[in-house]
Amino acid sequence: MSPKPQEYIDKLQKQANIMCQRLGHLVIPIAMRLFSDEMISQYELDIVQGQTTAYGQAQRLINICLQKGEHSCRKLYEALHEEDTILAEDINGQITLHYLT
């Protein structure tokens, strides 16, 4: 079964707050991966890096990916999984538990 056309956009919109709270020091390495994969531009990377808090950096990166669409959102999740598999799985578990309760 193939994913829905906006599966990752919907997922990221639902998880944005959790991700902003939890990414911390991983935001810049994730942003660098997205830049290396040509998902974000140098200018967008500079905008993310220019934020003064990790929360602000995560918020900007998430907003950039959401604006760019499904492929960028999927790449953000792939980069998170590559940087910290345990955190990626924990975030996915949190959103699942949130909707079950």
Protein backbone atom coordinates (compact mmCIF):
# COMPACT_ATOMS: atom_id res chain seq x y z
CA MET A 1 0.00 0.00 0.00
CA SER A 2 1.51 3.33 -1.04
CA PRO A 3 1.54 6.36 1.27
CA LYS A 4 -1.16 9.02 0.98
CA PRO A 5 -0.16 12.07 -1.09
CA GLN A 6 0.13 14.23 2.05
CA GLU A 7 1.01 11.61 4.64
CA TYR A 8 4.24 13.27 5.80
CA ILE A 9 2.81 16.80 5.66
CA ASP A 10 -0.08 15.74 7.89
CA LYS A 11 2.25 13.87 10.23
CA LEU A 12 4.64 16.81 10.54
CA GLN A 13 1.80 19.26 11.19
CA LYS A 14 0.54 17.03 14.01
CA GLN A 15 4.02 16.49 15.46
CA ALA A 16 5.45 20.00 14.98
CA ASN A 17 5.15 21.06 18.62
CA ILE A 18 6.62 17.81 19.95
CA MET A 19 9.48 18.01 17.46
CA CYS A 20 10.24 21.64 18.34
CA GLN A 21 10.46 20.63 22.00
CA ARG A 22 12.52 17.49 21.47
CA LEU A 23 14.98 18.07 18.59
CA GLY A 24 17.36 20.30 20.56
CA HIS A 25 20.95 19.97 19.37
CA LEU A 26 19.88 17.78 16.43
CA VAL A 27 18.27 20.63 14.48
CA ILE A 28 21.47 21.83 12.79
CA PRO A 29 22.75 18.35 11.83
CA ILE A 30 19.29 17.58 10.39
CA ALA A 31 19.26 20.89 8.53
CA MET A 32 22.74 20.12 7.17
CA ARG A 33 21.51 16.75 5.88
CA LEU A 34 18.58 18.44 4.15
CA PHE A 35 20.96 20.99 2.64
CA SER A 36 23.27 18.20 1.43
CA ASP A 37 20.26 16.47 -0.14
CA GLU A 38 19.33 19.79 -1.81
CA MET A 39 16.02 19.92 0.06
CA ILE A 40 16.79 23.35 1.49
CA SER A 41 18.93 26.17 0.10
CA GLN A 42 21.93 27.87 1.67
CA TYR A 43 19.69 30.85 2.41
CA GLU A 44 17.16 28.64 4.21
CA LEU A 45 19.95 26.93 6.15
CA ASP A 46 21.23 30.37 7.20
CA ILE A 47 17.73 31.33 8.37
CA VAL A 48 17.52 28.19 10.53
CA GLN A 49 21.01 28.70 11.94
CA GLY A 50 20.24 32.36 12.64
CA GLN A 51 17.52 31.54 15.16
CA THR A 52 18.69 32.09 18.74
CA THR A 53 17.12 28.99 20.32
CA ALA A 54 16.95 25.33 19.35
CA TYR A 55 13.16 25.58 19.55
CA GLY A 56 13.20 28.51 17.10
CA GLN A 57 15.57 26.64 14.79
CA ALA A 58 13.32 23.58 14.78
CA GLN A 59 10.24 25.72 14.19
CA ARG A 60 11.83 27.43 11.17
CA LEU A 61 13.10 24.17 9.71
CA ILE A 62 9.70 22.52 10.09
CA ASN A 63 7.94 25.50 8.50
CA ILE A 64 10.36 25.47 5.57
CA CYS A 65 9.77 21.76 5.00
CA LEU A 66 5.99 22.16 5.25
CA GLN A 67 6.09 24.96 2.67
CA LYS A 68 8.15 22.83 0.31
CA GLY A 69 5.77 19.89 0.45
CA GLU A 70 5.56 16.15 0.95
CA HIS A 71 9.02 15.19 -0.30
CA SER A 72 10.80 17.65 2.00
CA CYS A 73 8.72 16.54 4.98
CA ARG A 74 9.61 12.91 4.29
CA LYS A 75 13.30 13.83 4.01
CA LEU A 76 13.10 15.62 7.37
CA TYR A 77 11.85 12.41 9.00
CA GLU A 78 14.55 10.39 7.24
CA ALA A 79 17.23 12.81 8.49
CA LEU A 80 15.87 12.62 12.04
CA HIS A 81 15.88 8.83 11.87
CA GLU A 82 19.50 8.86 10.64
CA GLU A 83 20.60 11.26 13.39
CA ASP A 84 18.74 9.63 16.28
CA THR A 85 16.69 6.50 15.64
CA ILE A 86 15.53 6.24 19.25
CA LEU A 87 14.25 9.83 19.35
CA ALA A 88 12.54 9.39 15.96
CA GLU A 89 10.72 6.30 17.19
CA ASP A 90 9.88 7.97 20.51
CA ILE A 91 8.34 10.99 18.74
CA ASN A 92 6.28 8.67 16.56
CA GLY A 93 5.17 6.77 19.66
CA GLN A 94 4.19 9.98 21.44
CA ILE A 95 1.91 11.11 18.66
CA THR A 96 0.31 7.66 18.48
CA LEU A 97 -0.29 7.61 22.23
CA HIS A 98 -1.65 11.16 22.12
CA TYR A 99 -4.35 10.16 19.64
CA LEU A 100 -5.21 6.92 21.44
CA THR A 101 -5.96 8.68 24.75
